[in-house]
C-alpha atoms as a PDB file:
ATOM      1  CA  MET A   1      13.032  11.126  -3.075  1.00  0.00           C
ATOM      2  CA  HIS A   2       9.329  11.852  -2.522  1.00  0.00           C
ATOM      3  CA  GLU A   3       9.581   8.170  -1.059  1.00  0.00           C
ATOM      4  CA  MET A   4       9.800  10.102   1.949  1.00  0.00           C
ATOM      5  CA  SER A   5       6.902  11.979   1.579  1.00  0.00           C
ATOM      6  CA  ILE A   6       4.730   9.259   0.701  1.00  0.00           C
ATOM      7  CA  ALA A   7       6.461   7.573   3.886  1.00  0.00           C
ATOM      8  CA  LEU A   8       5.203  10.807   5.866  1.00  0.00           C
ATOM      9  CA  ALA A   9       1.961  10.695   4.382  1.00  0.00           C
ATOM     10  CA  VAL A  10       0.925   7.290   5.683  1.00  0.00           C
ATOM     11  CA  ILE A  11       2.011   7.532   8.399  1.00  0.00           C
ATOM     12  CA  ASP A  12      -0.086  10.856   9.099  1.00  0.00           C
ATOM     13  CA  GLN A  13      -2.793   8.473   7.549  1.00  0.00           C
ATOM     14  CA  VAL A  14      -2.668   6.139  10.569  1.00  0.00           C
ATOM     15  CA  GLU A  15      -2.600   7.984  13.039  1.00  0.00           C
ATOM     16  CA  THR A  16      -5.128  10.088  12.174  1.00  0.00           C
ATOM     17  CA  ALA A  17      -7.421   6.445  11.918  1.00  0.00           C
ATOM     18  CA  ALA A  18      -5.837   5.641  15.013  1.00  0.00           C
ATOM     19  CA  ALA A  19      -6.825   8.986  17.454  1.00  0.00           C
ATOM     20  CA  GLN A  20     -10.469   8.092  15.594  1.00  0.00           C
ATOM     21  CA  THR A  21     -10.014   4.132  16.744  1.00  0.00           C
ATOM     22  CA  PRO A  22     -11.057   3.227  20.585  1.00  0.00           C
ATOM     23  CA  ASP A  23      -8.353   0.808  21.854  1.00  0.00           C
ATOM     24  CA  ALA A  24      -6.193   0.916  18.994  1.00  0.00           C
ATOM     25  CA  GLY A  25      -2.774   0.005  19.771  1.00  0.00           C
ATOM     26  CA  ALA A  26       0.716   0.363  18.639  1.00  0.00           C
ATOM     27  CA  VAL A  27       0.617   0.037  14.548  1.00  0.00           C
ATOM     28  CA  ARG A  28       2.259  -4.255  13.595  1.00  0.00           C
ATOM     29  CA  SER A  29       2.269  -4.260   9.841  1.00  0.00           C
ATOM     30  CA  VAL A  30       1.024  -1.750   7.224  1.00  0.00           C
ATOM     31  CA  ARG A  31       0.197  -2.865   3.255  1.00  0.00           C
ATOM     32  CA  LEU A  32       0.382  -0.214   0.621  1.00  0.00           C
ATOM     33  CA  ARG A  33      -1.402  -1.005  -2.962  1.00  0.00           C
ATOM     34  CA  VAL A  34       1.456   0.228  -5.010  1.00  0.00           C
ATOM     35  CA  GLY A  35       1.044   0.514  -9.059  1.00  0.00           C
ATOM     36  CA  GLU A  36       3.890  -0.009 -11.099  1.00  0.00           C
ATOM     37  CA  LEU A  37       3.183   3.083 -13.009  1.00  0.00           C
ATOM     38  CA  ALA A  38       3.166   5.135 -10.038  1.00  0.00           C
ATOM     39  CA  GLY A  39       6.724   5.633 -10.007  1.00  0.00           C
ATOM     40  CA  VAL A  40       7.154   4.562  -6.273  1.00  0.00           C
ATOM     41  CA  VAL A  41      10.575   2.207  -5.493  1.00  0.00           C
ATOM     42  CA  PRO A  42       9.930  -0.317  -3.041  1.00  0.00           C
ATOM     43  CA  ASP A  43      13.054  -0.389  -1.489  1.00  0.00           C
ATOM     44  CA  SER A  44      13.222   3.192  -0.737  1.00  0.00           C
ATOM     45  CA  LEU A  45       9.690   3.727   0.203  1.00  0.00           C
ATOM     46  CA  ALA A  46      10.656   0.562   3.019  1.00  0.00           C
ATOM     47  CA  PHE A  47      14.212   2.567   4.092  1.00  0.00           C
ATOM     48  CA  CYS A  48      11.523   5.546   4.174  1.00  0.00           C
ATOM     49  CA  PHE A  49       9.563   4.557   6.251  1.00  0.00           C
ATOM     50  CA  GLU A  50      11.706   3.039   8.818  1.00  0.00           C
ATOM     51  CA  LEU A  51      13.254   6.082   9.386  1.00  0.00           C
ATOM     52  CA  ALA A  52      10.195   8.553   9.629  1.00  0.00           C
ATOM     53  CA  CYS A  53       8.591   5.365  12.153  1.00  0.00           C
ATOM     54  CA  ALA A  54      10.839   6.658  14.761  1.00  0.00           C
ATOM     55  CA  GLY A  55       9.074   8.003  17.778  1.00  0.00           C
ATOM     56  CA  THR A  56       5.769   7.710  16.613  1.00  0.00           C
ATOM     57  CA  LEU A  57       2.987   5.388  17.041  1.00  0.00           C
ATOM     58  CA  LEU A  58       4.532   3.407  13.986  1.00  0.00           C
ATOM     59  CA  GLU A  59       7.631   2.380  15.572  1.00  0.00           C
ATOM     60  CA  GLY A  60       8.738  -0.535  14.782  1.00  0.00           C
ATOM     61  CA  ALA A  61       5.989  -1.620  12.083  1.00  0.00           C
ATOM     62  CA  GLU A  62       6.835  -3.651   8.973  1.00  0.00           C
ATOM     63  CA  LEU A  63       5.615  -2.347   5.537  1.00  0.00           C
ATOM     64  CA  LEU A  64       4.322  -4.560   3.552  1.00  0.00           C
ATOM     65  CA  THR A  65       3.900  -3.866  -0.304  1.00  0.00           C
ATOM     66  CA  GLU A  66       1.458  -5.209  -2.527  1.00  0.00           C
ATOM     67  CA  PRO A  67       2.832  -4.596  -6.756  1.00  0.00           C
ATOM     68  CA  VAL A  68       0.042  -4.092  -9.058  1.00  0.00           C
ATOM     69  CA  PRO A  69       0.524  -4.710 -12.669  1.00  0.00           C
ATOM     70  CA  GLY A  70      -0.361  -1.802 -15.319  1.00  0.00           C
ATOM     71  CA  ARG A  71      -3.216  -2.320 -17.562  1.00  0.00           C
ATOM     72  CA  ALA A  72      -4.537  -0.500 -19.672  1.00  0.00           C
ATOM     73  CA  ARG A  73      -8.221  -1.142 -22.313  1.00  0.00           C
ATOM     74  CA  CYS A  74      -8.545   0.279 -26.082  1.00  0.00           C
ATOM     75  CA  THR A  75     -11.292   2.249 -26.340  1.00  0.00           C
ATOM     76  CA  PRO A  76     -12.025   1.447 -30.177  1.00  0.00           C
ATOM     77  CA  CYS A  77     -11.452  -2.951 -29.331  1.00  0.00           C
ATOM     78  CA  ALA A  78     -11.380  -3.437 -26.018  1.00  0.00           C
ATOM     79  CA  HIS A  79      -9.190  -4.828 -25.856  1.00  0.00           C
ATOM     80  CA  GLU A  80      -7.030  -5.403 -22.327  1.00  0.00           C
ATOM     81  CA  TRP A  81      -2.955  -5.900 -21.894  1.00  0.00           C
ATOM     82  CA  ALA A  82      -0.510  -5.752 -19.236  1.00  0.00           C
ATOM     83  CA  VAL A  83       1.322  -2.085 -19.807  1.00  0.00           C
ATOM     84  CA  GLY A  84       4.806  -3.426 -18.766  1.00  0.00           C
ATOM     85  CA  MET A  85       7.649  -1.220 -17.908  1.00  0.00           C
ATOM     86  CA  PRO A  86       8.456   0.540 -20.047  1.00  0.00           C
ATOM     87  CA  PRO A  87       4.880   1.337 -20.652  1.00  0.00           C
ATOM     88  CA  ARG A  88       3.212  -0.305 -24.126  1.00  0.00           C
ATOM     89  CA  LEU A  89       0.051   2.039 -24.509  1.00  0.00           C
ATOM     90  CA  SER A  90      -1.100   1.317 -28.016  1.00  0.00           C
ATOM     91  CA  CYS A  91      -3.202  -1.166 -28.206  1.00  0.00           C
ATOM     92  CA  PRO A  92      -1.597  -4.641 -29.291  1.00  0.00           C
ATOM     93  CA  GLU A  93      -4.174  -5.466 -31.057  1.00  0.00           C
ATOM     94  CA  CYS A  94      -5.963  -2.678 -33.866  1.00  0.00           C
ATOM     95  CA  ARG A  95      -2.544  -0.335 -32.906  1.00  0.00           C
ATOM     96  CA  GLY A  96      -5.303   2.413 -31.462  1.00  0.00           C
ATOM     97  CA  ALA A  97      -3.830   4.924 -29.123  1.00  0.00           C
ATOM     98  CA  ALA A  98      -7.352   5.482 -27.424  1.00  0.00           C
ATOM     99  CA  VAL A  99      -5.890   4.182 -24.569  1.00  0.00           C
ATOM    100  CA  GLU A 100      -7.530   3.570 -20.730  1.00  0.00           C
ATOM    101  CA  LEU A 101      -5.228   2.611 -17.985  1.00  0.00           C
ATOM    102  CA  ILE A 102      -7.112   0.904 -15.642  1.00  0.00           C
ATOM    103  CA  SER A 103      -4.189  -0.736 -13.171  1.00  0.00           C
ATOM    104  CA  GLY A 104      -1.205   0.582 -11.952  1.00  0.00           C
ATOM    105  CA  ARG A 105      -1.115   3.785 -11.137  1.00  0.00           C
ATOM    106  CA  GLU A 106      -2.345   2.903  -6.949  1.00  0.00           C
ATOM    107  CA  LEU A 107      -0.871   3.903  -3.770  1.00  0.00           C
ATOM    108  CA  GLN A 108      -3.546   3.461  -1.480  1.00  0.00           C
ATOM    109  CA  ILE A 109      -3.126   1.647   2.322  1.00  0.00           C
ATOM    110  CA  ALA A 110      -4.778  -2.119   1.925  1.00  0.00           C
ATOM    111  CA  GLU A 111      -4.867  -2.947   5.882  1.00  0.00           C
ATOM    112  CA  VAL A 112      -3.502  -1.610   9.101  1.00  0.00           C
ATOM    113  CA  ARG A 113      -2.354  -4.487  11.500  1.00  0.00           C
ATOM    114  CA  TRP A 114      -2.680  -2.691  15.078  1.00  0.00           C
ATOM    115  CA  GLU A 115      -1.081  -4.267  18.330  1.00  0.00           C
ATOM    116  CA  ASP A 116      -4.011  -6.163  20.860  1.00  0.00           C
ATOM    117  CA  PRO A 117      -3.550  -3.311  23.611  1.00  0.00           C
ATOM    118  CA  TYR A 118      -5.489  -5.741  25.672  1.00  0.00           C
ATOM    119  CA  ALA A 119      -3.690  -9.218  25.396  1.00  0.00           C
ATOM    120  CA  ALA A 120      -1.224  -9.007  27.985  1.00  0.00           C
ATOM    121  CA  THR A 121      -3.848  -9.005  30.481  1.00  0.00           C
ATOM    122  CA  ARG A 122      -6.299 -11.318  29.150  1.00  0.00           C
ATOM    123  CA  GLU A 123      -6.995 -14.666  30.793  1.00  0.00           C
ATOM    124  CA  PRO A 124      -5.718 -17.999  28.667  1.00  0.00           C
ATOM    125  CA  ILE A 125      -8.357 -19.874  28.401  1.00  0.00           C
ATOM    126  CA  SER A 126      -8.533 -22.854  29.782  1.00  0.00           C
ATOM    127  CA  GLU A 127      -8.383 -26.274  27.533  1.00  0.00           C
ATOM    128  CA  GLU A 128     -10.148 -28.324  30.369  1.00  0.00           C
ATOM    129  CA  CYS A 129     -14.591 -28.030  31.094  1.00  0.00           C
END
């Protein structure tokens, strides 16, 4: 199950960023862009992420996955199409096999939301002026 190694890598990257960010609080959520051709099962990744976060800065954080469809472009005729699953890697227009994948292999951290470490100590602003 490579989803556990992916979850551990995400946690490591977020903890590294937190160490370099002054006033970084606990992590509320992590949003990942996951390409349909990346070979990742989002439900398995979410399960592994929850287990791997225990005892870390990310404990209790929500993992949000944003699917990225696979798209290809034919080199000879420049036609673009959604490759689908299983992927169709020959051009539907000219039947050419010289194809470039332009999306769908992504696996990247798109956003991390942090707790505000000062939220509990801030005074509410009075609405009376």
